[in-house]
Amino acid sequence: MLSFYPSQIIEYLYCPRYTYFEYVLRIPQQEDKFYKVQRGREIHNKKLEQNKAYLRKKIGVKNKCLDQYLGIEGLRGKVDEVLELNDGNFAPLDYKFAHWKDKVYETYKQQLFCYAVLIEKNFKSKVNKGFLVYIRSQHKLIEVEVSKKDKQKIQDSMKAMTDIISKNKFPRATSYKKRCLNCTYRNICIK
């Protein structure tokens, strides 16, 4: 069984053809667009040591596990923090090298949903919410609801991605044509 990172699932949800071009045809994406991700990782490592006690107290954390690399069949990833909450449920917490702009981007939500699936399977506990910390907005803490439907969508995506790769299946492109404008595969993709 193939195993995917949350970033690969996020790409699939953005447009299923990412999976086809990158993992069936093995055409790599341009890496320079990921500068922000690399920079975020550097800052993230420094910031991990700051403000943790304050944030956890605000959330109601009973116990925590830092930098947890988790895996299940079809999905793997490193969660910044796995939190055990006072109500007995668990939650992922993810640091973002970003400013808070009064909305949670879908990609951030999908990453938390992937972590929720990983945490439920590995810790055998319910995950009903996750948390984002916006480092560039003075560690603004945002709570994100995680529904059963959200977790099922991640599992459905894992199955669909496996199908694309194992069967060399050329999927339909996203129906959101604006996404094609900045796509790294726009010059080779059939419209």
N, C-alpha and C. Protein backbone atom coordinates (compact mmCIF):
# COMPACT_ATOMS: atom_id res chain seq x y z
N MET A 1 0.86 -1.19 0.00
CA MET A 1 0.00 0.00 0.00
C MET A 1 0.89 1.24 0.00
N LEU A 2 0.53 2.20 -0.81
CA LEU A 2 1.26 3.46 -0.86
C LEU A 2 0.98 4.26 0.41
N SER A 3 1.90 5.15 0.73
CA SER A 3 1.73 5.98 1.91
C SER A 3 1.99 7.44 1.51
N PHE A 4 1.09 8.30 1.90
CA PHE A 4 1.16 9.70 1.48
C PHE A 4 1.40 10.63 2.66
N TYR A 5 2.06 11.76 2.36
CA TYR A 5 2.19 12.83 3.34
C TYR A 5 0.98 13.75 3.21
N PRO A 6 0.66 14.50 4.26
CA PRO A 6 -0.46 15.45 4.16
C PRO A 6 -0.31 16.42 2.99
N SER A 7 0.92 16.86 2.69
CA SER A 7 1.10 17.80 1.58
C SER A 7 0.68 17.17 0.25
N GLN A 8 0.88 15.88 0.09
CA GLN A 8 0.47 15.20 -1.14
C GLN A 8 -1.05 15.10 -1.23
N ILE A 9 -1.69 14.88 -0.11
CA ILE A 9 -3.16 14.83 -0.10
C ILE A 9 -3.74 16.21 -0.38
N ILE A 10 -3.10 17.23 0.17
CA ILE A 10 -3.56 18.61 -0.08
C ILE A 10 -3.44 18.92 -1.57
N GLU A 11 -2.36 18.50 -2.20
CA GLU A 11 -2.21 18.71 -3.65
C GLU A 11 -3.30 17.97 -4.42
N TYR A 12 -3.58 16.74 -4.02
CA TYR A 12 -4.64 15.97 -4.69
C TYR A 12 -5.98 16.69 -4.56
N LEU A 13 -6.28 17.19 -3.37
CA LEU A 13 -7.56 17.87 -3.17
C LEU A 13 -7.62 19.18 -3.96
N TYR A 14 -6.46 19.78 -4.19
CA TYR A 14 -6.41 21.01 -5.00
C TYR A 14 -6.73 20.68 -6.46
N CYS A 15 -6.10 19.62 -6.95
CA CYS A 15 -6.39 19.09 -8.28
C CYS A 15 -5.84 17.66 -8.35
N PRO A 16 -6.67 16.67 -8.68
CA PRO A 16 -6.22 15.27 -8.72
C PRO A 16 -5.09 15.02 -9.72
N ARG A 17 -4.93 15.91 -10.68
CA ARG A 17 -3.88 15.69 -11.68
C ARG A 17 -2.47 15.89 -11.11
N TYR A 18 -2.35 16.59 -10.00
CA TYR A 18 -1.04 16.68 -9.34
C TYR A 18 -0.51 15.27 -9.08
N THR A 19 -1.36 14.42 -8.58
CA THR A 19 -0.96 13.05 -8.26
C THR A 19 -0.50 12.33 -9.52
N TYR A 20 -1.23 12.51 -10.60
CA TYR A 20 -0.88 11.84 -11.85
C TYR A 20 0.47 12.33 -12.39
N PHE A 21 0.63 13.65 -12.48
CA PHE A 21 1.87 14.19 -13.06
C PHE A 21 3.09 13.87 -12.19
N GLU A 22 2.93 14.01 -10.88
CA GLU A 22 4.08 13.83 -10.01
C GLU A 22 4.42 12.37 -9.71
N TYR A 23 3.42 11.50 -9.57
CA TYR A 23 3.69 10.14 -9.10
C TYR A 23 3.49 9.06 -10.16
N VAL A 24 2.78 9.36 -11.24
CA VAL A 24 2.66 8.40 -12.34
C VAL A 24 3.69 8.75 -13.42
N LEU A 25 3.68 10.01 -13.87
CA LEU A 25 4.63 10.43 -14.90
C LEU A 25 5.98 10.83 -14.33
N ARG A 26 6.05 11.03 -13.03
CA ARG A 26 7.30 11.39 -12.31
C ARG A 26 7.90 12.70 -12.83
N ILE A 27 7.04 13.68 -13.01
CA ILE A 27 7.49 15.02 -13.40
C ILE A 27 7.52 15.87 -12.13
N PRO A 28 8.71 16.26 -11.66
CA PRO A 28 8.77 17.01 -10.40
C PRO A 28 8.24 18.42 -10.54
N GLN A 29 7.79 18.97 -9.43
CA GLN A 29 7.33 20.35 -9.41
C GLN A 29 8.54 21.26 -9.26
N GLN A 30 8.33 22.54 -9.58
CA GLN A 30 9.40 23.51 -9.34
C GLN A 30 9.53 23.70 -7.84
N GLU A 31 10.75 23.60 -7.35
CA GLU A 31 10.95 23.68 -5.91
C GLU A 31 11.02 25.10 -5.38
N ASP A 32 11.32 26.09 -6.26
CA ASP A 32 11.49 27.45 -5.75
C ASP A 32 10.22 28.02 -5.15
N LYS A 33 9.07 27.52 -5.55
CA LYS A 33 7.83 28.03 -4.97
C LYS A 33 7.68 27.58 -3.52
N PHE A 34 8.52 26.69 -3.07
CA PHE A 34 8.41 26.21 -1.70
C PHE A 34 9.37 26.93 -0.75
N TYR A 35 9.92 28.08 -1.19
CA TYR A 35 10.82 28.83 -0.32
C TYR A 35 10.15 29.14 1.01
N LYS A 36 8.91 29.58 0.94
CA LYS A 36 8.19 29.95 2.16
C LYS A 36 8.08 28.76 3.12
N VAL A 37 7.89 27.58 2.56
CA VAL A 37 7.80 26.38 3.39
C VAL A 37 9.13 26.12 4.09
N GLN A 38 10.24 26.24 3.32
CA GLN A 38 11.56 26.02 3.90
C GLN A 38 11.85 27.04 4.99
N ARG A 39 11.55 28.30 4.70
CA ARG A 39 11.78 29.37 5.68
C ARG A 39 10.91 29.12 6.91
N GLY A 40 9.71 28.70 6.69
CA GLY A 40 8.82 28.42 7.80
C GLY A 40 9.35 27.31 8.70
N ARG A 41 9.96 26.32 8.10
CA ARG A 41 10.52 25.22 8.91
C ARG A 41 11.64 25.71 9.81
N GLU A 42 12.48 26.61 9.28
CA GLU A 42 13.58 27.14 10.09
C GLU A 42 13.05 27.93 11.28
N ILE A 43 12.11 28.82 10.99
CA ILE A 43 11.52 29.64 12.05
C ILE A 43 10.77 28.75 13.03
N HIS A 44 10.08 27.78 12.46
CA HIS A 44 9.27 26.88 13.27
C HIS A 44 10.10 26.21 14.36
N ASN A 45 11.29 25.74 13.98
CA ASN A 45 12.13 25.06 14.95
C ASN A 45 12.55 25.98 16.09
N LYS A 46 12.77 27.26 15.79
CA LYS A 46 13.13 28.22 16.84
C LYS A 46 11.93 28.51 17.74
N LYS A 47 10.79 28.69 17.10
CA LYS A 47 9.59 29.09 17.84
C LYS A 47 8.98 27.96 18.66
N LEU A 48 9.36 26.75 18.35
CA LEU A 48 8.78 25.62 19.08
C LEU A 48 9.02 25.75 20.59
N GLU A 49 10.10 26.41 20.94
CA GLU A 49 10.45 26.51 22.35
C GLU A 49 9.79 27.70 23.05
N GLN A 50 9.11 28.56 22.29
CA GLN A 50 8.53 29.77 22.87
C GLN A 50 7.02 29.63 23.09
N ASN A 51 6.56 30.17 24.16
CA ASN A 51 5.12 30.32 24.43
C ASN A 51 4.34 29.03 24.56
N LYS A 52 4.98 27.92 24.68
CA LYS A 52 4.25 26.66 24.74
C LYS A 52 3.38 26.55 25.99
N ALA A 53 3.92 26.89 27.11
CA ALA A 53 3.17 26.73 28.36
C ALA A 53 1.91 27.59 28.34
N TYR A 54 2.04 28.82 27.85
CA TYR A 54 0.89 29.72 27.79
C TYR A 54 -0.20 29.16 26.88
N LEU A 55 0.17 28.71 25.68
CA LEU A 55 -0.81 28.19 24.73
C LEU A 55 -1.52 26.96 25.27
N ARG A 56 -0.77 26.08 25.86
CA ARG A 56 -1.39 24.84 26.36
C ARG A 56 -2.36 25.12 27.49
N LYS A 57 -2.02 26.06 28.34
CA LYS A 57 -2.92 26.41 29.45
C LYS A 57 -4.22 26.99 28.89
N LYS A 58 -4.10 27.81 27.86
CA LYS A 58 -5.28 28.44 27.24
C LYS A 58 -6.20 27.39 26.61
N ILE A 59 -5.64 26.35 26.03
CA ILE A 59 -6.42 25.31 25.35
C ILE A 59 -7.02 24.32 26.35
N GLY A 60 -6.38 24.10 27.46
CA GLY A 60 -6.84 23.09 28.41
C GLY A 60 -6.19 21.75 28.14
N VAL A 61 -4.88 21.75 28.15
CA VAL A 61 -4.10 20.56 27.82
C VAL A 61 -3.72 19.78 29.07
N LYS A 62 -3.97 18.49 29.02
CA LYS A 62 -3.63 17.59 30.12
C LYS A 62 -2.24 16.98 29.92
N ASN A 63 -1.93 16.68 28.66
CA ASN A 63 -0.66 16.05 28.33
C ASN A 63 -0.31 16.40 26.89
N LYS A 64 0.94 16.26 26.53
CA LYS A 64 1.36 16.62 25.17
C LYS A 64 2.50 15.73 24.70
N CYS A 65 2.59 15.58 23.38
CA CYS A 65 3.72 14.90 22.74
C CYS A 65 4.21 15.82 21.63
N LEU A 66 5.49 16.12 21.62
CA LEU A 66 6.05 17.05 20.64
C LEU A 66 6.65 16.31 19.47
N ASP A 67 6.56 16.95 18.30
CA ASP A 67 7.19 16.43 17.08
C ASP A 67 6.98 14.94 16.89
N GLN A 68 5.74 14.56 16.79
CA GLN A 68 5.38 13.14 16.67
C GLN A 68 5.31 12.73 15.20
N TYR A 69 6.18 11.79 14.81
CA TYR A 69 6.10 11.22 13.46
C TYR A 69 5.17 10.02 13.54
N LEU A 70 4.02 10.14 12.88
CA LEU A 70 2.99 9.11 12.97
C LEU A 70 2.73 8.51 11.59
N GLY A 71 2.33 7.26 11.58
CA GLY A 71 2.02 6.62 10.32
C GLY A 71 0.94 5.57 10.48
N ILE A 72 0.15 5.43 9.43
CA ILE A 72 -0.84 4.37 9.32
C ILE A 72 -0.75 3.90 7.87
N GLU A 73 -1.48 2.87 7.52
CA GLU A 73 -1.49 2.42 6.14
C GLU A 73 -2.07 3.53 5.25
N GLY A 74 -1.27 4.06 4.35
CA GLY A 74 -1.72 5.08 3.41
C GLY A 74 -1.44 6.51 3.81
N LEU A 75 -0.96 6.75 5.03
CA LEU A 75 -0.75 8.13 5.46
C LEU A 75 0.36 8.18 6.51
N ARG A 76 1.19 9.21 6.41
CA ARG A 76 2.25 9.42 7.41
C ARG A 76 2.55 10.90 7.49
N GLY A 77 3.09 11.33 8.62
CA GLY A 77 3.42 12.74 8.76
C GLY A 77 3.90 13.06 10.16
N LYS A 78 4.48 14.24 10.28
CA LYS A 78 5.02 14.69 11.56
C LYS A 78 4.12 15.79 12.10
N VAL A 79 3.57 15.55 13.26
CA VAL A 79 2.66 16.50 13.90
C VAL A 79 3.47 17.33 14.90
N ASP A 80 3.36 18.66 14.82
CA ASP A 80 4.11 19.52 15.74
C ASP A 80 3.82 19.14 17.18
N GLU A 81 2.54 19.09 17.53
CA GLU A 81 2.17 18.70 18.88
C GLU A 81 0.89 17.86 18.86
N VAL A 82 0.90 16.76 19.58
CA VAL A 82 -0.31 15.98 19.82
C VAL A 82 -0.73 16.29 21.25
N LEU A 83 -1.92 16.86 21.39
CA LEU A 83 -2.39 17.30 22.70
C LEU A 83 -3.45 16.36 23.24
N GLU A 84 -3.32 15.98 24.49
CA GLU A 84 -4.40 15.29 25.19
C GLU A 84 -5.12 16.35 25.99
N LEU A 85 -6.40 16.53 25.71
CA LEU A 85 -7.16 17.62 26.33
C LEU A 85 -7.81 17.17 27.63
N ASN A 86 -8.22 18.14 28.42
CA ASN A 86 -8.83 17.84 29.71
C ASN A 86 -10.11 17.00 29.58
N ASP A 87 -10.80 17.09 28.41
CA ASP A 87 -12.03 16.30 28.22
C ASP A 87 -11.74 14.86 27.77
N GLY A 88 -10.46 14.50 27.66
CA GLY A 88 -10.10 13.13 27.28
C GLY A 88 -9.87 12.93 25.79
N ASN A 89 -10.30 13.90 24.97
CA ASN A 89 -10.05 13.81 23.54
C ASN A 89 -8.64 14.29 23.22
N PHE A 90 -8.22 14.04 21.99
CA PHE A 90 -6.92 14.48 21.53
C PHE A 90 -7.09 15.54 20.45
N ALA A 91 -6.02 16.29 20.17
CA ALA A 91 -6.07 17.32 19.12
C ALA A 91 -4.66 17.58 18.60
N PRO A 92 -4.56 17.83 17.28
CA PRO A 92 -3.26 18.25 16.74
C PRO A 92 -3.10 19.76 16.90
N LEU A 93 -1.87 20.19 17.08
CA LEU A 93 -1.54 21.61 17.07
C LEU A 93 -0.43 21.80 16.06
N ASP A 94 -0.62 22.77 15.14
CA ASP A 94 0.35 22.99 14.08
C ASP A 94 0.76 24.46 14.06
N TYR A 95 2.07 24.71 14.02
CA TYR A 95 2.59 26.07 13.93
C TYR A 95 2.69 26.48 12.47
N LYS A 96 2.24 27.71 12.17
CA LYS A 96 2.32 28.24 10.81
C LYS A 96 3.18 29.48 10.78
N PHE A 97 4.14 29.51 9.87
CA PHE A 97 4.96 30.71 9.67
C PHE A 97 4.16 31.63 8.77
N ALA A 98 3.15 32.24 9.34
CA ALA A 98 2.21 33.05 8.56
C ALA A 98 1.54 34.08 9.46
N HIS A 99 0.94 35.08 8.82
CA HIS A 99 0.12 36.06 9.52
C HIS A 99 -1.32 35.57 9.55
N TRP A 100 -2.03 35.86 10.61
CA TRP A 100 -3.46 35.58 10.68
C TRP A 100 -4.19 36.60 9.82
N LYS A 101 -5.01 36.13 8.86
CA LYS A 101 -5.73 37.03 7.95
C LYS A 101 -7.23 36.82 8.04
N ASP A 102 -7.71 36.58 9.24
CA ASP A 102 -9.14 36.46 9.53
C ASP A 102 -9.83 35.31 8.81
N LYS A 103 -9.09 34.35 8.33
CA LYS A 103 -9.69 33.13 7.78
C LYS A 103 -8.66 32.02 7.80
N VAL A 104 -9.17 30.80 7.91
CA VAL A 104 -8.30 29.63 7.89
C VAL A 104 -8.32 29.07 6.47
N TYR A 105 -7.16 29.01 5.85
CA TYR A 105 -7.09 28.48 4.48
C TYR A 105 -7.42 27.00 4.47
N GLU A 106 -8.02 26.57 3.37
CA GLU A 106 -8.41 25.15 3.22
C GLU A 106 -7.21 24.22 3.38
N THR A 107 -6.05 24.63 2.87
CA THR A 107 -4.87 23.76 2.97
C THR A 107 -4.48 23.54 4.43
N TYR A 108 -4.61 24.56 5.26
CA TYR A 108 -4.30 24.41 6.68
C TYR A 108 -5.29 23.45 7.34
N LYS A 109 -6.56 23.61 6.97
CA LYS A 109 -7.58 22.72 7.53
C LYS A 109 -7.31 21.26 7.13
N GLN A 110 -7.03 21.06 5.85
CA GLN A 110 -6.81 19.69 5.36
C GLN A 110 -5.61 19.04 6.04
N GLN A 111 -4.59 19.84 6.32
CA GLN A 111 -3.43 19.31 7.03
C GLN A 111 -3.84 18.85 8.43
N LEU A 112 -4.65 19.67 9.12
CA LEU A 112 -5.13 19.27 10.44
C LEU A 112 -6.02 18.02 10.36
N PHE A 113 -6.82 17.91 9.31
CA PHE A 113 -7.68 16.73 9.15
C PHE A 113 -6.82 15.47 8.97
N CYS A 114 -5.73 15.61 8.20
CA CYS A 114 -4.80 14.46 8.05
C CYS A 114 -4.22 14.08 9.41
N TYR A 115 -3.80 15.07 10.17
CA TYR A 115 -3.24 14.79 11.49
C TYR A 115 -4.29 14.16 12.41
N ALA A 116 -5.53 14.60 12.27
CA ALA A 116 -6.61 14.03 13.09
C ALA A 116 -6.75 12.53 12.81
N VAL A 117 -6.70 12.16 11.53
CA VAL A 117 -6.78 10.74 11.16
C VAL A 117 -5.61 9.97 11.76
N LEU A 118 -4.42 10.52 11.65
CA LEU A 118 -3.23 9.87 12.20
C LEU A 118 -3.32 9.71 13.72
N ILE A 119 -3.76 10.75 14.39
CA ILE A 119 -3.83 10.72 15.87
C ILE A 119 -4.88 9.72 16.33
N GLU A 120 -6.06 9.72 15.68
CA GLU A 120 -7.11 8.78 16.09
C GLU A 120 -6.63 7.33 15.99
N LYS A 121 -5.93 7.02 14.91
CA LYS A 121 -5.48 5.63 14.71
C LYS A 121 -4.33 5.26 15.65
N ASN A 122 -3.42 6.19 15.88
CA ASN A 122 -2.24 5.88 16.69
C ASN A 122 -2.50 5.98 18.19
N PHE A 123 -3.35 6.91 18.61
CA PHE A 123 -3.60 7.12 20.03
C PHE A 123 -4.92 6.52 20.49
N LYS A 124 -5.68 5.94 19.54
CA LYS A 124 -6.97 5.29 19.86
C LYS A 124 -7.87 6.24 20.65
N SER A 125 -8.01 7.45 20.15
CA SER A 125 -8.83 8.44 20.84
C SER A 125 -9.53 9.34 19.82
N LYS A 126 -10.61 9.98 20.22
CA LYS A 126 -11.36 10.88 19.33
C LYS A 126 -10.60 12.19 19.13
N VAL A 127 -10.72 12.72 17.91
CA VAL A 127 -10.21 14.05 17.59
C VAL A 127 -11.36 14.83 16.97
N ASN A 128 -11.81 15.85 17.67
CA ASN A 128 -12.93 16.67 17.20
C ASN A 128 -12.51 18.09 16.84
N LYS A 129 -11.27 18.43 17.15
CA LYS A 129 -10.78 19.76 16.81
C LYS A 129 -9.26 19.74 16.74
N GLY A 130 -8.74 20.79 16.11
CA GLY A 130 -7.31 20.98 16.03
C GLY A 130 -7.00 22.45 16.25
N PHE A 131 -5.73 22.77 16.34
CA PHE A 131 -5.32 24.14 16.63
C PHE A 131 -4.22 24.57 15.68
N LEU A 132 -4.29 25.85 15.28
CA LEU A 132 -3.25 26.47 14.47
C LEU A 132 -2.67 27.63 15.26
N VAL A 133 -1.36 27.79 15.19
CA VAL A 133 -0.69 28.93 15.83
C VAL A 133 -0.01 29.72 14.72
N TYR A 134 -0.41 30.98 14.55
CA TYR A 134 0.17 31.85 13.52
C TYR A 134 1.34 32.61 14.14
N ILE A 135 2.52 32.16 13.84
CA ILE A 135 3.73 32.68 14.47
C ILE A 135 3.93 34.16 14.18
N ARG A 136 3.65 34.59 12.96
CA ARG A 136 3.91 35.99 12.57
C ARG A 136 2.82 36.94 13.04
N SER A 137 1.84 36.45 13.76
CA SER A 137 0.80 37.31 14.36
C SER A 137 0.82 37.10 15.87
N GLN A 138 2.00 37.17 16.41
CA GLN A 138 2.20 37.05 17.86
C GLN A 138 1.56 35.79 18.43
N HIS A 139 1.77 34.71 17.74
CA HIS A 139 1.28 33.39 18.17
C HIS A 139 -0.23 33.35 18.36
N LYS A 140 -0.92 33.92 17.39
CA LYS A 140 -2.39 33.88 17.40
C LYS A 140 -2.84 32.42 17.35
N LEU A 141 -3.70 32.04 18.28
CA LEU A 141 -4.20 30.67 18.38
C LEU A 141 -5.60 30.57 17.80
N ILE A 142 -5.81 29.66 16.86
CA ILE A 142 -7.11 29.46 16.22
C ILE A 142 -7.54 28.01 16.38
N GLU A 143 -8.78 27.81 16.81
CA GLU A 143 -9.34 26.46 16.93
C GLU A 143 -10.09 26.11 15.64
N VAL A 144 -9.89 24.90 15.14
CA VAL A 144 -10.55 24.44 13.92
C VAL A 144 -11.33 23.17 14.24
N GLU A 145 -12.61 23.16 13.90
CA GLU A 145 -13.44 21.97 14.11
C GLU A 145 -13.03 20.86 13.13
N VAL A 146 -13.01 19.64 13.60
CA VAL A 146 -12.69 18.48 12.74
C VAL A 146 -13.89 17.53 12.83
N SER A 147 -14.61 17.41 11.72
CA SER A 147 -15.81 16.56 11.72
C SER A 147 -15.48 15.16 11.20
N LYS A 148 -16.43 14.27 11.39
CA LYS A 148 -16.31 12.90 10.86
C LYS A 148 -16.19 12.95 9.34
N LYS A 149 -16.95 13.85 8.72
CA LYS A 149 -16.94 14.01 7.26
C LYS A 149 -15.56 14.46 6.78
N ASP A 150 -14.93 15.37 7.53
CA ASP A 150 -13.58 15.85 7.16
C ASP A 150 -12.58 14.70 7.15
N LYS A 151 -12.65 13.86 8.17
CA LYS A 151 -11.71 12.74 8.26
C LYS A 151 -11.98 11.70 7.18
N GLN A 152 -13.26 11.49 6.85
CA GLN A 152 -13.61 10.55 5.79
C GLN A 152 -13.10 11.03 4.43
N LYS A 153 -13.15 12.35 4.22
CA LYS A 153 -12.67 12.92 2.96
C LYS A 153 -11.17 12.63 2.77
N ILE A 154 -10.42 12.69 3.85
CA ILE A 154 -8.99 12.39 3.78
C ILE A 154 -8.79 10.91 3.42
N GLN A 155 -9.55 10.03 4.04
CA GLN A 155 -9.41 8.60 3.74
C GLN A 155 -9.85 8.28 2.32
N ASP A 156 -10.89 8.96 1.84
CA ASP A 156 -11.33 8.78 0.45
C ASP A 156 -10.26 9.26 -0.52
N SER A 157 -9.60 10.35 -0.17
CA SER A 157 -8.53 10.88 -1.03
C SER A 157 -7.37 9.91 -1.11
N MET A 158 -7.01 9.29 0.01
CA MET A 158 -5.92 8.31 0.03
C MET A 158 -6.23 7.16 -0.94
N LYS A 159 -7.47 6.69 -0.91
CA LYS A 159 -7.87 5.59 -1.79
C LYS A 159 -7.84 6.02 -3.26
N ALA A 160 -8.34 7.22 -3.53
CA ALA A 160 -8.37 7.72 -4.91
C ALA A 160 -6.96 7.92 -5.45
N MET A 161 -6.05 8.42 -4.61
CA MET A 161 -4.66 8.62 -5.04
C MET A 161 -3.99 7.29 -5.34
N THR A 162 -4.24 6.31 -4.52
CA THR A 162 -3.69 4.98 -4.74
C THR A 162 -4.19 4.42 -6.07
N ASP A 163 -5.46 4.66 -6.35
CA ASP A 163 -6.07 4.20 -7.60
C ASP A 163 -5.41 4.86 -8.81
N ILE A 164 -5.18 6.17 -8.73
CA ILE A 164 -4.54 6.91 -9.83
C ILE A 164 -3.16 6.33 -10.12
N ILE A 165 -2.40 6.10 -9.07
CA ILE A 165 -1.00 5.66 -9.23
C ILE A 165 -0.93 4.20 -9.66
N SER A 166 -1.68 3.35 -9.01
CA SER A 166 -1.58 1.91 -9.31
C SER A 166 -2.18 1.54 -10.66
N LYS A 167 -3.15 2.32 -11.14
CA LYS A 167 -3.81 2.01 -12.41
C LYS A 167 -3.41 2.97 -13.53
N ASN A 168 -2.42 3.85 -13.27
CA ASN A 168 -2.03 4.87 -14.25
C ASN A 168 -3.25 5.62 -14.79
N LYS A 169 -4.11 5.95 -13.91
CA LYS A 169 -5.39 6.56 -14.28
C LYS A 169 -5.25 8.08 -14.39
N PHE A 170 -5.62 8.63 -15.53
CA PHE A 170 -5.57 10.08 -15.74
C PHE A 170 -6.87 10.69 -15.21
N PRO A 171 -6.81 11.39 -14.10
CA PRO A 171 -8.06 11.88 -13.48
C PRO A 171 -8.58 13.16 -14.12
N ARG A 172 -9.78 13.48 -13.79
CA ARG A 172 -10.37 14.75 -14.23
C ARG A 172 -9.66 15.87 -13.50
N ALA A 173 -9.52 16.98 -14.18
CA ALA A 173 -8.89 18.16 -13.55
C ALA A 173 -9.88 18.80 -12.58
N THR A 174 -9.37 19.66 -11.76
CA THR A 174 -10.23 20.41 -10.84
C THR A 174 -11.28 21.20 -11.64
N SER A 175 -12.42 21.38 -11.06
CA SER A 175 -13.46 22.18 -11.73
C SER A 175 -13.25 23.67 -11.48
N TYR A 176 -12.30 24.01 -10.60
CA TYR A 176 -11.98 25.42 -10.32
C TYR A 176 -10.86 25.87 -11.27
N LYS A 177 -11.22 26.40 -12.40
CA LYS A 177 -10.25 26.75 -13.44
C LYS A 177 -9.25 27.82 -13.01
N LYS A 178 -9.60 28.62 -12.02
CA LYS A 178 -8.64 29.63 -11.53
C LYS A 178 -7.39 28.97 -10.95
N ARG A 179 -7.55 27.75 -10.46
CA ARG A 179 -6.41 27.05 -9.88
C ARG A 179 -5.35 26.72 -10.94
N CYS A 180 -5.78 26.60 -12.19
CA CYS A 180 -4.87 26.23 -13.27
C CYS A 180 -3.87 27.36 -13.56
N LEU A 181 -4.22 28.59 -13.25
CA LEU A 181 -3.36 29.73 -13.60
C LEU A 181 -1.98 29.65 -12.96
N ASN A 182 -1.91 29.21 -11.73
CA ASN A 182 -0.63 29.14 -11.03
C ASN A 182 -0.09 27.72 -10.89
N CYS A 183 -0.68 26.78 -11.58
CA CYS A 183 -0.26 25.39 -11.45
C CYS A 183 1.10 25.17 -12.11
N THR A 184 1.95 24.39 -11.47
CA THR A 184 3.27 24.11 -12.03
C THR A 184 3.19 23.22 -13.28
N TYR A 185 2.06 22.57 -13.48
CA TYR A 185 1.90 21.68 -14.63
C TYR A 185 1.02 22.30 -15.74
N ARG A 186 0.75 23.58 -15.66
CA ARG A 186 -0.20 24.21 -16.60
C ARG A 186 0.24 24.09 -18.06
N ASN A 187 1.55 24.03 -18.33
CA ASN A 187 2.02 23.97 -19.72
C ASN A 187 1.91 22.59 -20.35
N ILE A 188 1.72 21.57 -19.54
CA ILE A 188 1.63 20.21 -20.10
C ILE A 188 0.26 19.57 -19.88
N CYS A 189 -0.59 20.24 -19.14
CA CYS A 189 -1.89 19.66 -18.80
C CYS A 189 -2.90 19.88 -19.91
N ILE A 190 -3.68 18.85 -20.20
CA ILE A 190 -4.76 18.95 -21.19
C ILE A 190 -5.93 19.63 -20.51
N LYS A 191 -6.44 20.67 -21.09
CA LYS A 191 -7.54 21.43 -20.48
C LYS A 191 -8.86 20.72 -20.65
